[in-house]
């Protein structure tokens, strides 16, 4: 299986459609996977499998806004902002 990591700067409309197809009602913090990179920085990602490819979409506020625009639905960014785990920047530390 091919594995691809995508972020907001390189995502295509087709890949955005994969996310909205997999999560038609939106996704929650619990759906995101926390990753710590070797350099100590961290990010949250959303896995979506399509055919023989597993995508890991880096989720940050820009990605959430792009998904919101793609769906014409409100992915309710306030839900993420109200969460204790909203920190999407690389300064996040989780034990």
C-alpha atoms as a PDB file:
ATOM      1  CA  UNK A   1       0.000   0.000   0.000  1.00  0.00           C
ATOM      2  CA  UNK A   2       1.285   3.419  -0.950  1.00  0.00           C
ATOM      3  CA  UNK A   3       1.419   5.996   1.884  1.00  0.00           C
ATOM      4  CA  UNK A   4       1.231   9.725   1.179  1.00  0.00           C
ATOM      5  CA  UNK A   5       1.443  12.624   3.621  1.00  0.00           C
ATOM      6  CA  UNK A   6      -0.325  15.797   2.491  1.00  0.00           C
ATOM      7  CA  UNK A   7      -0.676  19.246   3.947  1.00  0.00           C
ATOM      8  CA  UNK A   8      -2.756  22.267   3.041  1.00  0.00           C
ATOM      9  CA  UNK A   9      -0.224  23.623   0.542  1.00  0.00           C
ATOM     10  CA  UNK A  10      -0.274  20.491  -1.635  1.00  0.00           C
ATOM     11  CA  UNK A  11      -3.771  19.028  -1.262  1.00  0.00           C
ATOM     12  CA  UNK A  12      -5.870  18.607  -4.414  1.00  0.00           C
ATOM     13  CA  UNK A  13      -9.645  19.044  -4.746  1.00  0.00           C
ATOM     14  CA  UNK A  14      -9.919  15.269  -5.267  1.00  0.00           C
ATOM     15  CA  UNK A  15      -8.131  14.618  -1.977  1.00  0.00           C
ATOM     16  CA  UNK A  16     -10.393  17.102  -0.183  1.00  0.00           C
ATOM     17  CA  UNK A  17     -13.311  15.161  -1.634  1.00  0.00           C
ATOM     18  CA  UNK A  18     -11.881  11.937  -0.140  1.00  0.00           C
ATOM     19  CA  UNK A  19     -11.931  13.535   3.318  1.00  0.00           C
ATOM     20  CA  UNK A  20     -15.494  14.774   2.969  1.00  0.00           C
ATOM     21  CA  UNK A  21     -16.598  11.390   1.599  1.00  0.00           C
ATOM     22  CA  UNK A  22     -14.991   9.528   4.513  1.00  0.00           C
ATOM     23  CA  UNK A  23     -16.268  12.025   7.104  1.00  0.00           C
ATOM     24  CA  UNK A  24     -19.526  13.454   5.676  1.00  0.00           C
ATOM     25  CA  UNK A  25     -20.607  14.767   9.081  1.00  0.00           C
ATOM     26  CA  UNK A  26     -17.144  16.145   9.838  1.00  0.00           C
ATOM     27  CA  UNK A  27     -14.483  14.747  12.126  1.00  0.00           C
ATOM     28  CA  UNK A  28     -13.530  15.336  15.703  1.00  0.00           C
ATOM     29  CA  UNK A  29     -10.309  15.658  17.650  1.00  0.00           C
ATOM     30  CA  UNK A  30     -10.690  11.965  18.575  1.00  0.00           C
ATOM     31  CA  UNK A  31     -10.413  11.060  14.861  1.00  0.00           C
ATOM     32  CA  UNK A  32      -6.997  12.710  14.605  1.00  0.00           C
ATOM     33  CA  UNK A  33      -3.723  10.903  15.218  1.00  0.00           C
ATOM     34  CA  UNK A  34      -0.915  12.636  17.106  1.00  0.00           C
ATOM     35  CA  UNK A  35       2.569  12.282  15.580  1.00  0.00           C
ATOM     36  CA  UNK A  36       5.880  13.390  17.018  1.00  0.00           C
ATOM     37  CA  UNK A  37       8.643  13.869  14.451  1.00  0.00           C
ATOM     38  CA  UNK A  38      12.298  12.995  15.127  1.00  0.00           C
ATOM     39  CA  UNK A  39      13.147  16.697  15.496  1.00  0.00           C
ATOM     40  CA  UNK A  40      10.732  16.965  18.434  1.00  0.00           C
ATOM     41  CA  UNK A  41       7.979  18.848  16.616  1.00  0.00           C
ATOM     42  CA  UNK A  42       4.510  17.357  16.436  1.00  0.00           C
ATOM     43  CA  UNK A  43       1.410  17.421  14.272  1.00  0.00           C
ATOM     44  CA  UNK A  44      -2.043  15.882  14.097  1.00  0.00           C
ATOM     45  CA  UNK A  45      -3.156  13.915  11.088  1.00  0.00           C
ATOM     46  CA  UNK A  46      -6.252  12.333   9.629  1.00  0.00           C
ATOM     47  CA  UNK A  47      -5.930   8.961   7.868  1.00  0.00           C
ATOM     48  CA  UNK A  48      -8.037   8.233   4.801  1.00  0.00           C
ATOM     49  CA  UNK A  49      -7.661   5.080   2.679  1.00  0.00           C
ATOM     50  CA  UNK A  50      -8.561   5.146  -0.992  1.00  0.00           C
ATOM     51  CA  UNK A  51      -7.874   2.128  -3.174  1.00  0.00           C
ATOM     52  CA  UNK A  52      -4.218   1.183  -2.726  1.00  0.00           C
ATOM     53  CA  UNK A  53      -3.254   4.499  -1.100  1.00  0.00           C
ATOM     54  CA  UNK A  54      -3.321   5.548   2.535  1.00  0.00           C
ATOM     55  CA  UNK A  55      -3.312   9.313   2.940  1.00  0.00           C
ATOM     56  CA  UNK A  56      -2.252  11.101   6.085  1.00  0.00           C
ATOM     57  CA  UNK A  57      -3.566  14.648   5.947  1.00  0.00           C
ATOM     58  CA  UNK A  58      -1.798  17.070   8.271  1.00  0.00           C
ATOM     59  CA  UNK A  59      -4.600  18.904  10.008  1.00  0.00           C
ATOM     60  CA  UNK A  60      -4.147  22.540  10.948  1.00  0.00           C
ATOM     61  CA  UNK A  61      -6.447  25.541  10.851  1.00  0.00           C
ATOM     62  CA  UNK A  62      -5.750  26.176   7.142  1.00  0.00           C
ATOM     63  CA  UNK A  63      -6.679  22.591   6.288  1.00  0.00           C
ATOM     64  CA  UNK A  64      -9.885  22.862   8.331  1.00  0.00           C
ATOM     65  CA  UNK A  65     -10.809  26.044   6.460  1.00  0.00           C
ATOM     66  CA  UNK A  66     -10.135  24.354   3.093  1.00  0.00           C
ATOM     67  CA  UNK A  67     -12.370  21.411   4.042  1.00  0.00           C
ATOM     68  CA  UNK A  68     -15.057  23.829   5.201  1.00  0.00           C
ATOM     69  CA  UNK A  69     -14.948  25.644   1.843  1.00  0.00           C
ATOM     70  CA  UNK A  70     -14.995  22.352  -0.106  1.00  0.00           C
ATOM     71  CA  UNK A  71     -18.104  21.055   1.621  1.00  0.00           C
ATOM     72  CA  UNK A  72     -20.077  24.292   1.958  1.00  0.00           C
ATOM     73  CA  UNK A  73     -20.828  22.872   5.391  1.00  0.00           C
ATOM     74  CA  UNK A  74     -19.494  24.269   8.594  1.00  0.00           C
ATOM     75  CA  UNK A  75     -16.942  21.857  10.001  1.00  0.00           C
ATOM     76  CA  UNK A  76     -17.455  23.943  13.127  1.00  0.00           C
ATOM     77  CA  UNK A  77     -13.985  25.233  13.768  1.00  0.00           C
ATOM     78  CA  UNK A  78     -15.291  26.396  17.161  1.00  0.00           C
ATOM     79  CA  UNK A  79     -15.596  22.740  18.195  1.00  0.00           C
ATOM     80  CA  UNK A  80     -11.846  22.399  17.734  1.00  0.00           C
ATOM     81  CA  UNK A  81     -11.117  25.748  19.365  1.00  0.00           C
ATOM     82  CA  UNK A  82     -13.119  24.751  22.452  1.00  0.00           C
ATOM     83  CA  UNK A  83     -11.155  21.529  22.808  1.00  0.00           C
ATOM     84  CA  UNK A  84      -8.231  21.267  25.209  1.00  0.00           C
ATOM     85  CA  UNK A  85      -6.329  19.588  22.362  1.00  0.00           C
ATOM     86  CA  UNK A  86      -6.739  22.311  19.744  1.00  0.00           C
ATOM     87  CA  UNK A  87      -3.041  23.122  19.503  1.00  0.00           C
ATOM     88  CA  UNK A  88      -2.131  22.280  15.908  1.00  0.00           C
ATOM     89  CA  UNK A  89       1.164  24.116  15.768  1.00  0.00           C
ATOM     90  CA  UNK A  90       4.515  22.390  16.096  1.00  0.00           C
ATOM     91  CA  UNK A  91       5.122  23.633  19.626  1.00  0.00           C
ATOM     92  CA  UNK A  92       2.630  21.164  21.076  1.00  0.00           C
ATOM     93  CA  UNK A  93       4.012  18.665  23.549  1.00  0.00           C
ATOM     94  CA  UNK A  94       2.052  15.593  24.522  1.00  0.00           C
ATOM     95  CA  UNK A  95       3.276  12.832  26.830  1.00  0.00           C
END
